[in-house]
Amino acid sequence: ILAGEVFHYEAHIKYFDTEIRPRLDAHRKFYGPVRLER
């Protein structure tokens, strides 16, 4: 599980789209930002 926030910087958005998203699959998932309890 990968969790965290993609801040609205162009370089960060591009990094997620080109390096993270293509590597995700049914067993490697992205949860986005999580609050303290989660």
PDB file of all heavy atoms in Angstrom:
ATOM      1  N   ILE A   1       0.855  -1.181   0.000  1.00  0.00           N
ATOM      2  CA  ILE A   1       0.000   0.000   0.000  1.00  0.00           C
ATOM      3  C   ILE A   1       0.894   1.235   0.000  1.00  0.00           C
ATOM      4  O   ILE A   1       1.828   1.333   0.800  1.00  0.00           O
ATOM      5  CB  ILE A   1      -0.936   0.024   1.221  1.00  0.00           C
ATOM      6  CG1 ILE A   1      -1.966  -1.104   1.131  1.00  0.00           C
ATOM      7  CG2 ILE A   1      -1.640   1.382   1.349  1.00  0.00           C
ATOM      8  CD1 ILE A   1      -2.777  -1.285   2.400  1.00  0.00           C
ATOM      9  N   LEU A   2       0.627   2.146  -0.901  1.00  0.00           N
ATOM     10  CA  LEU A   2       1.294   3.448  -0.942  1.00  0.00           C
ATOM     11  C   LEU A   2       0.263   4.499  -0.567  1.00  0.00           C
ATOM     12  O   LEU A   2      -0.819   4.558  -1.163  1.00  0.00           O
ATOM     13  CB  LEU A   2       1.844   3.721  -2.340  1.00  0.00           C
ATOM     14  CG  LEU A   2       2.372   5.128  -2.612  1.00  0.00           C
ATOM     15  CD1 LEU A   2       3.561   5.451  -1.714  1.00  0.00           C
ATOM     16  CD2 LEU A   2       2.742   5.288  -4.083  1.00  0.00           C
ATOM     17  N   ALA A   3       0.580   5.306   0.426  1.00  0.00           N
ATOM     18  CA  ALA A   3      -0.342   6.356   0.860  1.00  0.00           C
ATOM     19  C   ALA A   3       0.414   7.674   0.953  1.00  0.00           C
ATOM     20  O   ALA A   3       1.580   7.710   1.343  1.00  0.00           O
ATOM     21  CB  ALA A   3      -0.964   6.007   2.214  1.00  0.00           C
ATOM     22  N   GLY A   4      -0.255   8.739   0.592  1.00  0.00           N
ATOM     23  CA  GLY A   4       0.380  10.054   0.655  1.00  0.00           C
ATOM     24  C   GLY A   4      -0.314  11.016  -0.283  1.00  0.00           C
ATOM     25  O   GLY A   4      -1.222  10.651  -1.028  1.00  0.00           O
ATOM     26  N   GLU A   5       0.139  12.239  -0.234  1.00  0.00           N
ATOM     27  CA  GLU A   5      -0.501  13.285  -1.015  1.00  0.00           C
ATOM     28  C   GLU A   5       0.368  13.706  -2.189  1.00  0.00           C
ATOM     29  O   GLU A   5       1.584  13.834  -2.060  1.00  0.00           O
ATOM     30  CB  GLU A   5      -0.789  14.502  -0.132  1.00  0.00           C
ATOM     31  CG  GLU A   5      -1.601  15.574  -0.825  1.00  0.00           C
ATOM     32  CD  GLU A   5      -2.236  16.554   0.134  1.00  0.00           C
ATOM     33  OE1 GLU A   5      -2.103  16.364   1.354  1.00  0.00           O
ATOM     34  OE2 GLU A   5      -2.867  17.512  -0.342  1.00  0.00           O
ATOM     35  N   VAL A   6      -0.287  13.904  -3.324  1.00  0.00           N
ATOM     36  CA  VAL A   6       0.371  14.474  -4.493  1.00  0.00           C
ATOM     37  C   VAL A   6       0.041  15.972  -4.486  1.00  0.00           C
ATOM     38  O   VAL A   6      -1.064  16.373  -4.837  1.00  0.00           O
ATOM     39  CB  VAL A   6      -0.132  13.830  -5.800  1.00  0.00           C
ATOM     40  CG1 VAL A   6       0.639  14.402  -6.984  1.00  0.00           C
ATOM     41  CG2 VAL A   6      -0.001  12.307  -5.748  1.00  0.00           C
ATOM     42  N   PHE A   7       0.999  16.788  -4.047  1.00  0.00           N
ATOM     43  CA  PHE A   7       0.746  18.220  -3.987  1.00  0.00           C
ATOM     44  C   PHE A   7       0.690  18.805  -5.402  1.00  0.00           C
ATOM     45  O   PHE A   7       1.204  18.222  -6.358  1.00  0.00           O
ATOM     46  CB  PHE A   7       1.820  18.914  -3.152  1.00  0.00           C
ATOM     47  CG  PHE A   7       1.663  18.674  -1.675  1.00  0.00           C
ATOM     48  CD1 PHE A   7       2.446  17.732  -1.019  1.00  0.00           C
ATOM     49  CD2 PHE A   7       0.722  19.385  -0.952  1.00  0.00           C
ATOM     50  CE1 PHE A   7       2.296  17.503   0.344  1.00  0.00           C
ATOM     51  CE2 PHE A   7       0.566  19.161   0.410  1.00  0.00           C
ATOM     52  CZ  PHE A   7       1.348  18.221   1.061  1.00  0.00           C
ATOM     53  N   HIS A   8       0.086  19.962  -5.514  1.00  0.00           N
ATOM     54  CA  HIS A   8      -0.214  20.530  -6.833  1.00  0.00           C
ATOM     55  C   HIS A   8       0.972  21.237  -7.470  1.00  0.00           C
ATOM     56  O   HIS A   8       0.842  22.355  -7.967  1.00  0.00           O
ATOM     57  CB  HIS A   8      -1.411  21.479  -6.727  1.00  0.00           C
ATOM     58  CG  HIS A   8      -2.697  20.780  -6.435  1.00  0.00           C
ATOM     59  ND1 HIS A   8      -3.865  21.444  -6.150  1.00  0.00           N
ATOM     60  CD2 HIS A   8      -2.997  19.452  -6.383  1.00  0.00           C
ATOM     61  CE1 HIS A   8      -4.823  20.565  -5.933  1.00  0.00           C
ATOM     62  NE2 HIS A   8      -4.325  19.356  -6.068  1.00  0.00           N
ATOM     63  N   TYR A   9       2.121  20.608  -7.419  1.00  0.00           N
ATOM     64  CA  TYR A   9       3.278  21.077  -8.176  1.00  0.00           C
ATOM     65  C   TYR A   9       3.347  20.258  -9.461  1.00  0.00           C
ATOM     66  O   TYR A   9       3.135  19.038  -9.450  1.00  0.00           O
ATOM     67  CB  TYR A   9       4.574  20.895  -7.374  1.00  0.00           C
ATOM     68  CG  TYR A   9       4.657  21.736  -6.120  1.00  0.00           C
ATOM     69  CD1 TYR A   9       4.490  21.154  -4.862  1.00  0.00           C
ATOM     70  CD2 TYR A   9       4.908  23.101  -6.191  1.00  0.00           C
ATOM     71  CE1 TYR A   9       4.566  21.913  -3.712  1.00  0.00           C
ATOM     72  CE2 TYR A   9       4.986  23.872  -5.040  1.00  0.00           C
ATOM     73  CZ  TYR A   9       4.811  23.272  -3.797  1.00  0.00           C
ATOM     74  OH  TYR A   9       4.875  24.030  -2.659  1.00  0.00           O
ATOM     75  N   GLU A  10       3.675  20.912 -10.544  1.00  0.00           N
ATOM     76  CA  GLU A  10       3.698  20.220 -11.827  1.00  0.00           C
ATOM     77  C   GLU A  10       4.637  19.013 -11.804  1.00  0.00           C
ATOM     78  O   GLU A  10       4.309  17.952 -12.347  1.00  0.00           O
ATOM     79  CB  GLU A  10       4.111  21.196 -12.934  1.00  0.00           C
ATOM     80  CG  GLU A  10       3.055  22.253 -13.240  1.00  0.00           C
ATOM     81  CD  GLU A  10       3.473  23.167 -14.372  1.00  0.00           C
ATOM     82  OE1 GLU A  10       4.522  22.898 -14.990  1.00  0.00           O
ATOM     83  OE2 GLU A  10       2.758  24.141 -14.638  1.00  0.00           O
ATOM     84  N   ALA A  11       5.818  19.173 -11.179  1.00  0.00           N
ATOM     85  CA  ALA A  11       6.782  18.072 -11.132  1.00  0.00           C
ATOM     86  C   ALA A  11       6.243  16.890 -10.335  1.00  0.00           C
ATOM     87  O   ALA A  11       6.508  15.715 -10.674  1.00  0.00           O
ATOM     88  CB  ALA A  11       8.098  18.554 -10.533  1.00  0.00           C
ATOM     89  N   HIS A  12       5.478  17.149  -9.276  1.00  0.00           N
ATOM     90  CA  HIS A  12       4.930  16.074  -8.452  1.00  0.00           C
ATOM     91  C   HIS A  12       3.831  15.329  -9.214  1.00  0.00           C
ATOM     92  O   HIS A  12       3.760  14.087  -9.167  1.00  0.00           O
ATOM     93  CB  HIS A  12       4.367  16.648  -7.153  1.00  0.00           C
ATOM     94  CG  HIS A  12       5.414  17.248  -6.264  1.00  0.00           C
ATOM     95  ND1 HIS A  12       5.166  17.603  -4.949  1.00  0.00           N
ATOM     96  CD2 HIS A  12       6.706  17.560  -6.487  1.00  0.00           C
ATOM     97  CE1 HIS A  12       6.254  18.109  -4.421  1.00  0.00           C
ATOM     98  NE2 HIS A  12       7.207  18.097  -5.336  1.00  0.00           N
ATOM     99  N   ILE A  13       2.977  16.074  -9.894  1.00  0.00           N
ATOM    100  CA  ILE A  13       1.908  15.447 -10.669  1.00  0.00           C
ATOM    101  C   ILE A  13       2.486  14.586 -11.793  1.00  0.00           C
ATOM    102  O   ILE A  13       2.056  13.448 -12.027  1.00  0.00           O
ATOM    103  CB  ILE A  13       0.969  16.531 -11.230  1.00  0.00           C
ATOM    104  CG1 ILE A  13       0.271  17.271 -10.083  1.00  0.00           C
ATOM    105  CG2 ILE A  13      -0.059  15.919 -12.184  1.00  0.00           C
ATOM    106  CD1 ILE A  13      -0.476  18.519 -10.518  1.00  0.00           C
ATOM    107  N   LYS A  14       3.489  15.118 -12.469  1.00  0.00           N
ATOM    108  CA  LYS A  14       4.138  14.359 -13.548  1.00  0.00           C
ATOM    109  C   LYS A  14       4.805  13.099 -13.007  1.00  0.00           C
ATOM    110  O   LYS A  14       4.719  12.023 -13.622  1.00  0.00           O
ATOM    111  CB  LYS A  14       5.168  15.244 -14.251  1.00  0.00           C
ATOM    112  CG  LYS A  14       5.890  14.539 -15.397  1.00  0.00           C
ATOM    113  CD  LYS A  14       6.898  15.465 -16.066  1.00  0.00           C
ATOM    114  CE  LYS A  14       7.637  14.745 -17.190  1.00  0.00           C
ATOM    115  NZ  LYS A  14       8.641  15.637 -17.827  1.00  0.00           N
ATOM    116  N   TYR A  15       5.466  13.204 -11.847  1.00  0.00           N
ATOM    117  CA  TYR A  15       6.120  12.039 -11.236  1.00  0.00           C
ATOM    118  C   TYR A  15       5.097  10.942 -10.944  1.00  0.00           C
ATOM    119  O   TYR A  15       5.324   9.757 -11.247  1.00  0.00           O
ATOM    120  CB  TYR A  15       6.827  12.459  -9.954  1.00  0.00           C
ATOM    121  CG  TYR A  15       7.363  11.318  -9.128  1.00  0.00           C
ATOM    122  CD1 TYR A  15       8.460  10.570  -9.559  1.00  0.00           C
ATOM    123  CD2 TYR A  15       6.770  10.970  -7.915  1.00  0.00           C
ATOM    124  CE1 TYR A  15       8.949   9.511  -8.805  1.00  0.00           C
ATOM    125  CE2 TYR A  15       7.260   9.924  -7.155  1.00  0.00           C
ATOM    126  CZ  TYR A  15       8.344   9.194  -7.602  1.00  0.00           C
ATOM    127  OH  TYR A  15       8.821   8.144  -6.860  1.00  0.00           O
ATOM    128  N   PHE A  16       3.953  11.310 -10.370  1.00  0.00           N
ATOM    129  CA  PHE A  16       2.935  10.298 -10.068  1.00  0.00           C
ATOM    130  C   PHE A  16       2.424   9.640 -11.345  1.00  0.00           C
ATOM    131  O   PHE A  16       2.289   8.415 -11.415  1.00  0.00           O
ATOM    132  CB  PHE A  16       1.772  10.924  -9.304  1.00  0.00           C
ATOM    133  CG  PHE A  16       0.691   9.943  -8.973  1.00  0.00           C
ATOM    134  CD1 PHE A  16       0.824   9.089  -7.885  1.00  0.00           C
ATOM    135  CD2 PHE A  16      -0.448   9.841  -9.756  1.00  0.00           C
ATOM    136  CE1 PHE A  16      -0.165   8.155  -7.583  1.00  0.00           C
ATOM    137  CE2 PHE A  16      -1.441   8.921  -9.471  1.00  0.00           C
ATOM    138  CZ  PHE A  16      -1.293   8.073  -8.386  1.00  0.00           C
ATOM    139  N   ASP A  17       2.179  10.446 -12.356  1.00  0.00           N
ATOM    140  CA  ASP A  17       1.601   9.916 -13.592  1.00  0.00           C
ATOM    141  C   ASP A  17       2.572   9.034 -14.375  1.00  0.00           C
ATOM    142  O   ASP A  17       2.146   8.079 -15.044  1.00  0.00           O
ATOM    143  CB  ASP A  17       1.130  11.065 -14.485  1.00  0.00           C
ATOM    144  CG  ASP A  17      -0.124  11.741 -13.950  1.00  0.00           C
ATOM    145  OD1 ASP A  17      -0.841  11.108 -13.146  1.00  0.00           O
ATOM    146  OD2 ASP A  17      -0.383  12.902 -14.322  1.00  0.00           O
ATOM    147  N   THR A  18       3.863   9.337 -14.295  1.00  0.00           N
ATOM    148  CA  THR A  18       4.834   8.599 -15.114  1.00  0.00           C
ATOM    149  C   THR A  18       5.575   7.499 -14.361  1.00  0.00           C
ATOM    150  O   THR A  18       5.968   6.499 -14.963  1.00  0.00           O
ATOM    151  CB  THR A  18       5.871   9.563 -15.723  1.00  0.00           C
ATOM    152  OG1 THR A  18       6.575  10.232 -14.659  1.00  0.00           O
ATOM    153  CG2 THR A  18       5.206  10.590 -16.620  1.00  0.00           C
ATOM    154  N   GLU A  19       5.768   7.664 -13.037  1.00  0.00           N
ATOM    155  CA  GLU A  19       6.579   6.701 -12.286  1.00  0.00           C
ATOM    156  C   GLU A  19       5.776   5.830 -11.321  1.00  0.00           C
ATOM    157  O   GLU A  19       6.155   4.694 -11.051  1.00  0.00           O
ATOM    158  CB  GLU A  19       7.670   7.443 -11.504  1.00  0.00           C
ATOM    159  CG  GLU A  19       8.668   8.187 -12.377  1.00  0.00           C
ATOM    160  CD  GLU A  19       9.557   7.262 -13.192  1.00  0.00           C
ATOM    161  OE1 GLU A  19       9.625   6.054 -12.878  1.00  0.00           O
ATOM    162  OE2 GLU A  19      10.176   7.747 -14.152  1.00  0.00           O
ATOM    163  N   ILE A  20       4.712   6.379 -10.769  1.00  0.00           N
ATOM    164  CA  ILE A  20       3.931   5.636  -9.775  1.00  0.00           C
ATOM    165  C   ILE A  20       2.761   4.901 -10.427  1.00  0.00           C
ATOM    166  O   ILE A  20       2.642   3.676 -10.316  1.00  0.00           O
ATOM    167  CB  ILE A  20       3.404   6.573  -8.671  1.00  0.00           C
ATOM    168  CG1 ILE A  20       4.562   7.255  -7.932  1.00  0.00           C
ATOM    169  CG2 ILE A  20       2.517   5.793  -7.696  1.00  0.00           C
ATOM    170  CD1 ILE A  20       5.438   6.336  -7.123  1.00  0.00           C
ATOM    171  N   ARG A  21       1.896   5.619 -11.101  1.00  0.00           N
ATOM    172  CA  ARG A  21       0.671   5.021 -11.635  1.00  0.00           C
ATOM    173  C   ARG A  21       0.935   3.785 -12.500  1.00  0.00           C
ATOM    174  O   ARG A  21       0.240   2.767 -12.347  1.00  0.00           O
ATOM    175  CB  ARG A  21      -0.117   6.072 -12.430  1.00  0.00           C
ATOM    176  CG  ARG A  21      -1.557   5.632 -12.738  1.00  0.00           C
ATOM    177  CD  ARG A  21      -2.233   6.586 -13.708  1.00  0.00           C
ATOM    178  NE  ARG A  21      -2.278   7.947 -13.216  1.00  0.00           N
ATOM    179  CZ  ARG A  21      -3.202   8.421 -12.396  1.00  0.00           C
ATOM    180  NH1 ARG A  21      -4.142   7.612 -11.954  1.00  0.00           N
ATOM    181  NH2 ARG A  21      -3.181   9.689 -12.013  1.00  0.00           N
ATOM    182  N   PRO A  22       1.934   3.810 -13.417  1.00  0.00           N
ATOM    183  CA  PRO A  22       2.142   2.611 -14.253  1.00  0.00           C
ATOM    184  C   PRO A  22       2.577   1.378 -13.460  1.00  0.00           C
ATOM    185  O   PRO A  22       2.439   0.251 -13.964  1.00  0.00           O
ATOM    186  CB  PRO A  22       3.257   3.052 -15.219  1.00  0.00           C
ATOM    187  CG  PRO A  22       3.183   4.540 -15.240  1.00  0.00           C
ATOM    188  CD  PRO A  22       2.805   4.919 -13.847  1.00  0.00           C
ATOM    189  N   ARG A  23       3.097   1.550 -12.255  1.00  0.00           N
ATOM    190  CA  ARG A  23       3.567   0.409 -11.469  1.00  0.00           C
ATOM    191  C   ARG A  23       2.486  -0.177 -10.567  1.00  0.00           C
ATOM    192  O   ARG A  23       2.694  -1.237  -9.969  1.00  0.00           O
ATOM    193  CB  ARG A  23       4.776   0.834 -10.620  1.00  0.00           C
ATOM    194  CG  ARG A  23       6.047   1.089 -11.423  1.00  0.00           C
ATOM    195  CD  ARG A  23       7.202   1.506 -10.513  1.00  0.00           C
ATOM    196  NE  ARG A  23       8.487   1.406 -11.189  1.00  0.00           N
ATOM    197  CZ  ARG A  23       9.040   2.356 -11.907  1.00  0.00           C
ATOM    198  NH1 ARG A  23       8.409   3.519 -12.073  1.00  0.00           N
ATOM    199  NH2 ARG A  23      10.214   2.163 -12.498  1.00  0.00           N
ATOM    200  N   LEU A  24       1.381   0.488 -10.427  1.00  0.00           N
ATOM    201  CA  LEU A  24       0.304  -0.002  -9.569  1.00  0.00           C
ATOM    202  C   LEU A  24      -0.430  -1.151 -10.252  1.00  0.00           C
ATOM    203  O   LEU A  24      -0.519  -1.217 -11.470  1.00  0.00           O
ATOM    204  CB  LEU A  24      -0.675   1.128  -9.251  1.00  0.00           C
ATOM    205  CG  LEU A  24      -0.084   2.354  -8.553  1.00  0.00           C
ATOM    206  CD1 LEU A  24      -1.136   3.444  -8.409  1.00  0.00           C
ATOM    207  CD2 LEU A  24       0.503   1.979  -7.195  1.00  0.00           C
ATOM    208  N   ASP A  25      -0.933  -2.079  -9.423  1.00  0.00           N
ATOM    209  CA  ASP A  25      -1.718  -3.197  -9.947  1.00  0.00           C
ATOM    210  C   ASP A  25      -2.666  -3.671  -8.861  1.00  0.00           C
ATOM    211  O   ASP A  25      -2.883  -2.973  -7.864  1.00  0.00           O
ATOM    212  CB  ASP A  25      -0.800  -4.328 -10.448  1.00  0.00           C
ATOM    213  CG  ASP A  25       0.163  -4.822  -9.375  1.00  0.00           C
ATOM    214  OD1 ASP A  25      -0.203  -4.769  -8.177  1.00  0.00           O
ATOM    215  OD2 ASP A  25       1.279  -5.267  -9.724  1.00  0.00           O
ATOM    216  N   ALA A  26      -3.215  -4.845  -9.019  1.00  0.00           N
ATOM    217  CA  ALA A  26      -4.211  -5.344  -8.069  1.00  0.00           C
ATOM    218  C   ALA A  26      -3.632  -5.571  -6.681  1.00  0.00           C
ATOM    219  O   ALA A  26      -4.374  -5.585  -5.682  1.00  0.00           O
ATOM    220  CB  ALA A  26      -4.821  -6.647  -8.597  1.00  0.00           C
ATOM    221  N   HIS A  27      -2.308  -5.742  -6.590  1.00  0.00           N
ATOM    222  CA  HIS A  27      -1.686  -6.023  -5.295  1.00  0.00           C
ATOM    223  C   HIS A  27      -0.821  -4.874  -4.775  1.00  0.00           C
ATOM    224  O   HIS A  27      -0.351  -4.921  -3.640  1.00  0.00           O
ATOM    225  CB  HIS A  27      -0.828  -7.289  -5.405  1.00  0.00           C
ATOM    226  CG  HIS A  27      -1.601  -8.493  -5.828  1.00  0.00           C
ATOM    227  ND1 HIS A  27      -2.528  -9.112  -5.012  1.00  0.00           N
ATOM    228  CD2 HIS A  27      -1.608  -9.185  -7.003  1.00  0.00           C
ATOM    229  CE1 HIS A  27      -3.058 -10.138  -5.646  1.00  0.00           C
ATOM    230  NE2 HIS A  27      -2.525 -10.204  -6.862  1.00  0.00           N
ATOM    231  N   ARG A  28      -0.553  -3.888  -5.580  1.00  0.00           N
ATOM    232  CA  ARG A  28       0.187  -2.685  -5.182  1.00  0.00           C
ATOM    233  C   ARG A  28      -0.740  -1.499  -5.420  1.00  0.00           C
ATOM    234  O   ARG A  28      -0.956  -1.086  -6.570  1.00  0.00           O
ATOM    235  CB  ARG A  28       1.478  -2.528  -5.990  1.00  0.00           C
ATOM    236  CG  ARG A  28       2.727  -3.144  -5.380  1.00  0.00           C
ATOM    237  CD  ARG A  28       2.734  -4.639  -5.184  1.00  0.00           C
ATOM    238  NE  ARG A  28       2.500  -5.382  -6.422  1.00  0.00           N
ATOM    239  CZ  ARG A  28       2.547  -6.697  -6.518  1.00  0.00           C
ATOM    240  NH1 ARG A  28       2.792  -7.439  -5.435  1.00  0.00           N
ATOM    241  NH2 ARG A  28       2.317  -7.300  -7.666  1.00  0.00           N
ATOM    242  N   LYS A  29      -1.311  -0.955  -4.330  1.00  0.00           N
ATOM    243  CA  LYS A  29      -2.399   0.013  -4.449  1.00  0.00           C
ATOM    244  C   LYS A  29      -2.019   1.374  -3.859  1.00  0.00           C
ATOM    245  O   LYS A  29      -1.227   1.453  -2.913  1.00  0.00           O
ATOM    246  CB  LYS A  29      -3.647  -0.518  -3.737  1.00  0.00           C
ATOM    247  CG  LYS A  29      -4.152  -1.835  -4.324  1.00  0.00           C
ATOM    248  CD  LYS A  29      -5.361  -2.345  -3.570  1.00  0.00           C
ATOM    249  CE  LYS A  29      -5.862  -3.662  -4.162  1.00  0.00           C
ATOM    250  NZ  LYS A  29      -7.064  -4.165  -3.438  1.00  0.00           N
ATOM    251  N   PHE A  30      -2.626   2.415  -4.421  1.00  0.00           N
ATOM    252  CA  PHE A  30      -2.423   3.780  -3.936  1.00  0.00           C
ATOM    253  C   PHE A  30      -3.673   4.241  -3.207  1.00  0.00           C
ATOM    254  O   PHE A  30      -4.777   4.220  -3.759  1.00  0.00           O
ATOM    255  CB  PHE A  30      -2.118   4.716  -5.106  1.00  0.00           C
ATOM    256  CG  PHE A  30      -1.961   6.162  -4.700  1.00  0.00           C
ATOM    257  CD1 PHE A  30      -0.965   6.542  -3.815  1.00  0.00           C
ATOM    258  CD2 PHE A  30      -2.810   7.135  -5.214  1.00  0.00           C
ATOM    259  CE1 PHE A  30      -0.818   7.863  -3.438  1.00  0.00           C
ATOM    260  CE2 PHE A  30      -2.662   8.466  -4.852  1.00  0.00           C
ATOM    261  CZ  PHE A  30      -1.672   8.835  -3.957  1.00  0.00           C
ATOM    262  N   TYR A  31      -3.509   4.687  -1.938  1.00  0.00           N
ATOM    263  CA  TYR A  31      -4.640   5.090  -1.118  1.00  0.00           C
ATOM    264  C   TYR A  31      -4.840   6.608  -1.084  1.00  0.00           C
ATOM    265  O   TYR A  31      -5.850   7.077  -0.582  1.00  0.00           O
ATOM    266  CB  TYR A  31      -4.451   4.593   0.318  1.00  0.00           C
ATOM    267  CG  TYR A  31      -4.889   3.170   0.555  1.00  0.00           C
ATOM    268  CD1 TYR A  31      -5.024   2.274  -0.497  1.00  0.00           C
ATOM    269  CD2 TYR A  31      -5.165   2.717   1.831  1.00  0.00           C
ATOM    270  CE1 TYR A  31      -5.412   0.962  -0.275  1.00  0.00           C
ATOM    271  CE2 TYR A  31      -5.564   1.410   2.071  1.00  0.00           C
ATOM    272  CZ  TYR A  31      -5.680   0.540   1.011  1.00  0.00           C
ATOM    273  OH  TYR A  31      -6.069  -0.757   1.237  1.00  0.00           O
ATOM    274  N   GLY A  32      -3.872   7.381  -1.563  1.00  0.00           N
ATOM    275  CA  GLY A  32      -3.982   8.827  -1.446  1.00  0.00           C
ATOM    276  C   GLY A  32      -3.646   9.281  -0.037  1.00  0.00           C
ATOM    277  O   GLY A  32      -3.097   8.523   0.773  1.00  0.00           O
ATOM    278  N   PRO A  33      -3.954  10.540   0.299  1.00  0.00           N
ATOM    279  CA  PRO A  33      -3.640  11.045   1.643  1.00  0.00           C
ATOM    280  C   PRO A  33      -4.488  10.348   2.695  1.00  0.00           C
ATOM    281  O   PRO A  33      -5.651  10.005   2.447  1.00  0.00           O
ATOM    282  CB  PRO A  33      -3.965  12.534   1.557  1.00  0.00           C
ATOM    283  CG  PRO A  33      -4.913  12.663   0.417  1.00  0.00           C
ATOM    284  CD  PRO A  33      -4.561  11.579  -0.552  1.00  0.00           C
ATOM    285  N   VAL A  34      -3.911  10.116   3.881  1.00  0.00           N
ATOM    286  CA  VAL A  34      -4.627   9.460   4.975  1.00  0.00           C
ATOM    287  C   VAL A  34      -4.514  10.310   6.234  1.00  0.00           C
ATOM    288  O   VAL A  34      -3.476  10.906   6.508  1.00  0.00           O
ATOM    289  CB  VAL A  34      -4.089   8.039   5.243  1.00  0.00           C
ATOM    290  CG1 VAL A  34      -4.410   7.113   4.080  1.00  0.00           C
ATOM    291  CG2 VAL A  34      -2.576   8.038   5.497  1.00  0.00           C
ATOM    292  N   ARG A  35      -5.595  10.375   6.991  1.00  0.00           N
ATOM    293  CA  ARG A  35      -5.598  11.090   8.254  1.00  0.00           C
ATOM    294  C   ARG A  35      -4.969  10.224   9.339  1.00  0.00           C
ATOM    295  O   ARG A  35      -4.682   9.054   9.133  1.00  0.00           O
ATOM    296  CB  ARG A  35      -7.024  11.488   8.620  1.00  0.00           C
ATOM    297  CG  ARG A  35      -7.653  12.443   7.606  1.00  0.00           C
ATOM    298  CD  ARG A  35      -9.117  12.682   7.905  1.00  0.00           C
ATOM    299  NE  ARG A  35      -9.290  13.421   9.149  1.00  0.00           N
ATOM    300  CZ  ARG A  35      -9.282  14.744   9.227  1.00  0.00           C
ATOM    301  NH1 ARG A  35      -9.098  15.472   8.132  1.00  0.00           N
ATOM    302  NH2 ARG A  35      -9.455  15.353  10.382  1.00  0.00           N
ATOM    303  N   LEU A  36      -4.749  10.825  10.517  1.00  0.00           N
ATOM    304  CA  LEU A  36      -3.978  10.169  11.566  1.00  0.00           C
ATOM    305  C   LEU A  36      -4.528   8.801  11.941  1.00  0.00           C
ATOM    306  O   LEU A  36      -3.771   7.836  12.059  1.00  0.00           O
ATOM    307  CB  LEU A  36      -3.916  11.072  12.804  1.00  0.00           C
ATOM    308  CG  LEU A  36      -3.188  10.480  14.011  1.00  0.00           C
ATOM    309  CD1 LEU A  36      -1.720  10.210  13.676  1.00  0.00           C
ATOM    310  CD2 LEU A  36      -3.300  11.393  15.215  1.00  0.00           C
ATOM    311  N   GLU A  37      -5.840   8.680  12.109  1.00  0.00           N
ATOM    312  CA  GLU A  37      -6.398   7.406  12.559  1.00  0.00           C
ATOM    313  C   GLU A  37      -6.125   6.290  11.551  1.00  0.00           C
ATOM    314  O   GLU A  37      -5.721   5.181  11.931  1.00  0.00           O
ATOM    315  CB  GLU A  37      -7.901   7.556  12.795  1.00  0.00           C
ATOM    316  CG  GLU A  37      -8.546   6.292  13.347  1.00  0.00           C
ATOM    317  CD  GLU A  37     -10.033   6.473  13.653  1.00  0.00           C
ATOM    318  OE1 GLU A  37     -10.505   7.631  13.639  1.00  0.00           O
ATOM    319  OE2 GLU A  37     -10.711   5.455  13.875  1.00  0.00           O
ATOM    320  N   ARG A  38      -6.332   6.583  10.272  1.00  0.00           N
ATOM    321  CA  ARG A  38      -6.087   5.552   9.265  1.00  0.00           C
ATOM    322  C   ARG A  38      -4.592   5.296   9.113  1.00  0.00           C
ATOM    323  O   ARG A  38      -4.164   4.152   8.915  1.00  0.00           O
ATOM    324  CB  ARG A  38      -6.685   5.980   7.930  1.00  0.00           C
ATOM    325  CG  ARG A  38      -6.754   4.837   6.927  1.00  0.00           C
ATOM    326  CD  ARG A  38      -7.385   5.273   5.623  1.00  0.00           C
ATOM    327  NE  ARG A  38      -7.723   4.127   4.793  1.00  0.00           N
ATOM    328  CZ  ARG A  38      -8.087   4.219   3.524  1.00  0.00           C
ATOM    329  NH1 ARG A  38      -8.163   5.416   2.934  1.00  0.00           N
ATOM    330  NH2 ARG A  38      -8.370   3.134   2.833  1.00  0.00           N
TER     331      ARG A  38
END
